Amino acid sequence: MRRAKKRWQASGKLLQVKKVQFFEVEKSRNMRRRSAVRRKQLTDKTEYLRKVGRLPEEDRFQDKRW
């Protein structure tokens, strides 16, 4: 098994795999705008529902704790 591992390392495949493992493609400007608009819509909707009384009033920080 050691020989195969050494070959993998020598070929550069191991380095390439480690490089690409957690790589995320950067979102385009348009996609970032879309997601920002969507976030804004959702926050506005939840805020409205909370004000109207259809959503229970809750502590925002308590939900995020483990």
N, C-alpha and C. Protein backbone atom coordinates (compact mmCIF):
# COMPACT_ATOMS: atom_id res chain seq x y z
N MET A 1 0.83 -1.19 0.00
CA MET A 1 0.00 0.00 0.00
C MET A 1 0.87 1.26 0.00
N ARG A 2 2.01 1.16 0.64
CA ARG A 2 2.87 2.33 0.73
C ARG A 2 3.32 2.80 -0.65
N ARG A 3 3.63 1.86 -1.54
CA ARG A 3 4.11 2.21 -2.86
C ARG A 3 3.05 3.01 -3.64
N ALA A 4 1.81 2.56 -3.53
CA ALA A 4 0.72 3.24 -4.23
C ALA A 4 0.55 4.65 -3.68
N LYS A 5 0.64 4.79 -2.38
CA LYS A 5 0.47 6.09 -1.76
C LYS A 5 1.58 7.04 -2.19
N LYS A 6 2.79 6.50 -2.28
CA LYS A 6 3.93 7.31 -2.69
C LYS A 6 3.76 7.77 -4.14
N ARG A 7 3.24 6.89 -4.98
CA ARG A 7 3.01 7.24 -6.37
C ARG A 7 1.97 8.35 -6.50
N TRP A 8 0.94 8.24 -5.71
CA TRP A 8 -0.12 9.25 -5.72
C TRP A 8 0.46 10.60 -5.33
N GLN A 9 1.30 10.59 -4.31
CA GLN A 9 1.91 11.82 -3.83
C GLN A 9 2.84 12.40 -4.89
N ALA A 10 3.59 11.55 -5.53
CA ALA A 10 4.55 12.00 -6.54
C ALA A 10 3.84 12.57 -7.77
N SER A 11 2.68 12.01 -8.10
CA SER A 11 1.97 12.47 -9.29
C SER A 11 1.32 13.84 -9.09
N GLY A 12 1.15 14.25 -7.83
CA GLY A 12 0.54 15.55 -7.57
C GLY A 12 -0.96 15.47 -7.38
N LYS A 13 -1.52 14.29 -7.51
CA LYS A 13 -2.97 14.13 -7.36
C LYS A 13 -3.40 14.42 -5.92
N LEU A 14 -2.59 13.99 -4.98
CA LEU A 14 -2.92 14.18 -3.57
C LEU A 14 -3.00 15.67 -3.25
N LEU A 15 -2.04 16.43 -3.74
CA LEU A 15 -2.02 17.87 -3.51
C LEU A 15 -3.23 18.54 -4.17
N GLN A 16 -3.55 18.09 -5.37
CA GLN A 16 -4.68 18.65 -6.10
C GLN A 16 -5.99 18.39 -5.37
N VAL A 17 -6.15 17.18 -4.85
CA VAL A 17 -7.37 16.82 -4.13
C VAL A 17 -7.50 17.66 -2.87
N LYS A 18 -6.41 17.86 -2.15
CA LYS A 18 -6.46 18.66 -0.93
C LYS A 18 -6.78 20.11 -1.23
N LYS A 19 -6.30 20.60 -2.37
CA LYS A 19 -6.55 21.98 -2.77
C LYS A 19 -8.03 22.21 -3.08
N VAL A 20 -8.63 21.27 -3.78
CA VAL A 20 -9.99 21.42 -4.30
C VAL A 20 -11.05 20.98 -3.30
N GLN A 21 -10.66 20.30 -2.25
CA GLN A 21 -11.61 19.67 -1.33
C GLN A 21 -12.65 20.65 -0.77
N PHE A 22 -12.23 21.79 -0.30
CA PHE A 22 -13.15 22.74 0.32
C PHE A 22 -13.34 23.99 -0.52
N PHE A 23 -13.01 23.94 -1.79
CA PHE A 23 -13.11 25.10 -2.67
C PHE A 23 -14.57 25.38 -3.00
N GLU A 24 -14.98 26.63 -2.85
CA GLU A 24 -16.32 27.03 -3.25
C GLU A 24 -16.19 28.12 -4.30
N VAL A 25 -16.94 27.97 -5.37
CA VAL A 25 -16.92 28.97 -6.43
C VAL A 25 -17.60 30.23 -5.91
N GLU A 26 -16.97 31.37 -6.16
CA GLU A 26 -17.53 32.63 -5.71
C GLU A 26 -18.80 32.93 -6.48
N LYS A 27 -19.83 33.37 -5.77
CA LYS A 27 -21.11 33.67 -6.42
C LYS A 27 -20.95 34.91 -7.28
N SER A 28 -21.68 34.92 -8.39
CA SER A 28 -21.64 36.09 -9.27
C SER A 28 -22.37 37.25 -8.60
N ARG A 29 -22.16 38.42 -9.12
CA ARG A 29 -22.76 39.62 -8.55
C ARG A 29 -24.28 39.53 -8.54
N ASN A 30 -24.83 39.01 -9.63
CA ASN A 30 -26.28 38.89 -9.75
C ASN A 30 -26.84 37.91 -8.72
N MET A 31 -26.15 36.79 -8.52
CA MET A 31 -26.61 35.80 -7.55
C MET A 31 -26.54 36.35 -6.12
N ARG A 32 -25.50 37.12 -5.84
CA ARG A 32 -25.40 37.73 -4.51
C ARG A 32 -26.54 38.71 -4.27
N ARG A 33 -26.89 39.47 -5.31
CA ARG A 33 -28.01 40.41 -5.20
C ARG A 33 -29.31 39.66 -4.96
N ARG A 34 -29.52 38.59 -5.72
CA ARG A 34 -30.74 37.80 -5.56
C ARG A 34 -30.88 37.27 -4.14
N SER A 35 -29.78 36.72 -3.62
CA SER A 35 -29.86 36.15 -2.27
C SER A 35 -30.07 37.25 -1.23
N ALA A 36 -29.50 38.43 -1.46
CA ALA A 36 -29.70 39.54 -0.54
C ALA A 36 -31.16 39.99 -0.54
N VAL A 37 -31.75 40.06 -1.73
CA VAL A 37 -33.16 40.45 -1.85
C VAL A 37 -34.04 39.42 -1.16
N ARG A 38 -33.73 38.15 -1.36
CA ARG A 38 -34.51 37.08 -0.75
C ARG A 38 -34.42 37.14 0.78
N ARG A 39 -33.22 37.36 1.30
CA ARG A 39 -33.05 37.50 2.75
C ARG A 39 -33.87 38.66 3.29
N LYS A 40 -33.83 39.78 2.57
CA LYS A 40 -34.58 40.97 2.99
C LYS A 40 -36.07 40.69 3.01
N GLN A 41 -36.57 39.99 1.98
CA GLN A 41 -37.99 39.66 1.92
C GLN A 41 -38.40 38.78 3.09
N LEU A 42 -37.58 37.78 3.39
CA LEU A 42 -37.91 36.87 4.49
C LEU A 42 -37.90 37.58 5.84
N THR A 43 -36.90 38.45 6.06
CA THR A 43 -36.85 39.17 7.33
C THR A 43 -38.03 40.12 7.46
N ASP A 44 -38.39 40.79 6.35
CA ASP A 44 -39.54 41.69 6.38
C ASP A 44 -40.83 40.93 6.68
N LYS A 45 -40.97 39.76 6.06
CA LYS A 45 -42.17 38.97 6.26
C LYS A 45 -42.29 38.51 7.71
N THR A 46 -41.19 37.99 8.27
CA THR A 46 -41.24 37.52 9.66
C THR A 46 -41.48 38.69 10.61
N GLU A 47 -40.88 39.84 10.31
CA GLU A 47 -41.08 41.02 11.15
C GLU A 47 -42.55 41.45 11.12
N TYR A 48 -43.14 41.44 9.94
CA TYR A 48 -44.56 41.80 9.79
C TYR A 48 -45.44 40.83 10.57
N LEU A 49 -45.19 39.54 10.41
CA LEU A 49 -46.00 38.54 11.11
C LEU A 49 -45.85 38.68 12.63
N ARG A 50 -44.66 39.02 13.07
CA ARG A 50 -44.43 39.20 14.50
C ARG A 50 -45.21 40.42 15.02
N LYS A 51 -45.21 41.51 14.23
CA LYS A 51 -45.92 42.72 14.63
C LYS A 51 -47.43 42.50 14.66
N VAL A 52 -47.92 41.75 13.67
CA VAL A 52 -49.36 41.49 13.59
C VAL A 52 -49.80 40.54 14.69
N GLY A 53 -48.88 39.70 15.16
CA GLY A 53 -49.20 38.79 16.25
C GLY A 53 -49.41 37.37 15.80
N ARG A 54 -49.08 37.07 14.58
CA ARG A 54 -49.24 35.69 14.09
C ARG A 54 -48.03 34.83 14.42
N LEU A 55 -46.92 35.46 14.71
CA LEU A 55 -45.73 34.73 15.15
C LEU A 55 -45.53 35.02 16.63
N PRO A 56 -45.20 34.01 17.41
CA PRO A 56 -44.98 34.27 18.84
C PRO A 56 -43.72 35.10 19.05
N GLU A 57 -43.79 36.02 20.01
CA GLU A 57 -42.63 36.84 20.34
C GLU A 57 -41.62 35.95 21.05
N GLU A 58 -40.40 35.92 20.57
CA GLU A 58 -39.39 35.04 21.15
C GLU A 58 -38.06 35.77 21.24
N ASP A 59 -37.23 35.28 22.11
CA ASP A 59 -35.91 35.86 22.27
C ASP A 59 -35.04 35.39 21.11
N ARG A 60 -34.50 36.32 20.35
CA ARG A 60 -33.73 35.96 19.16
C ARG A 60 -32.45 35.21 19.50
N PHE A 61 -31.81 35.60 20.59
CA PHE A 61 -30.51 35.02 20.92
C PHE A 61 -30.63 33.63 21.54
N GLN A 62 -31.75 33.35 22.14
CA GLN A 62 -31.91 32.06 22.80
C GLN A 62 -31.94 30.91 21.79
N ASP A 63 -32.48 31.14 20.61
CA ASP A 63 -32.57 30.09 19.60
C ASP A 63 -31.20 29.72 19.03
N LYS A 64 -30.29 30.66 19.00
CA LYS A 64 -29.00 30.42 18.35
C LYS A 64 -28.00 29.72 19.27
N ARG A 65 -28.30 29.66 20.55
CA ARG A 65 -27.38 28.98 21.47
C ARG A 65 -27.53 27.48 21.36
N TRP A 66 -26.47 26.77 21.67
CA TRP A 66 -26.50 25.31 21.59
C TRP A 66 -27.06 24.78 22.82
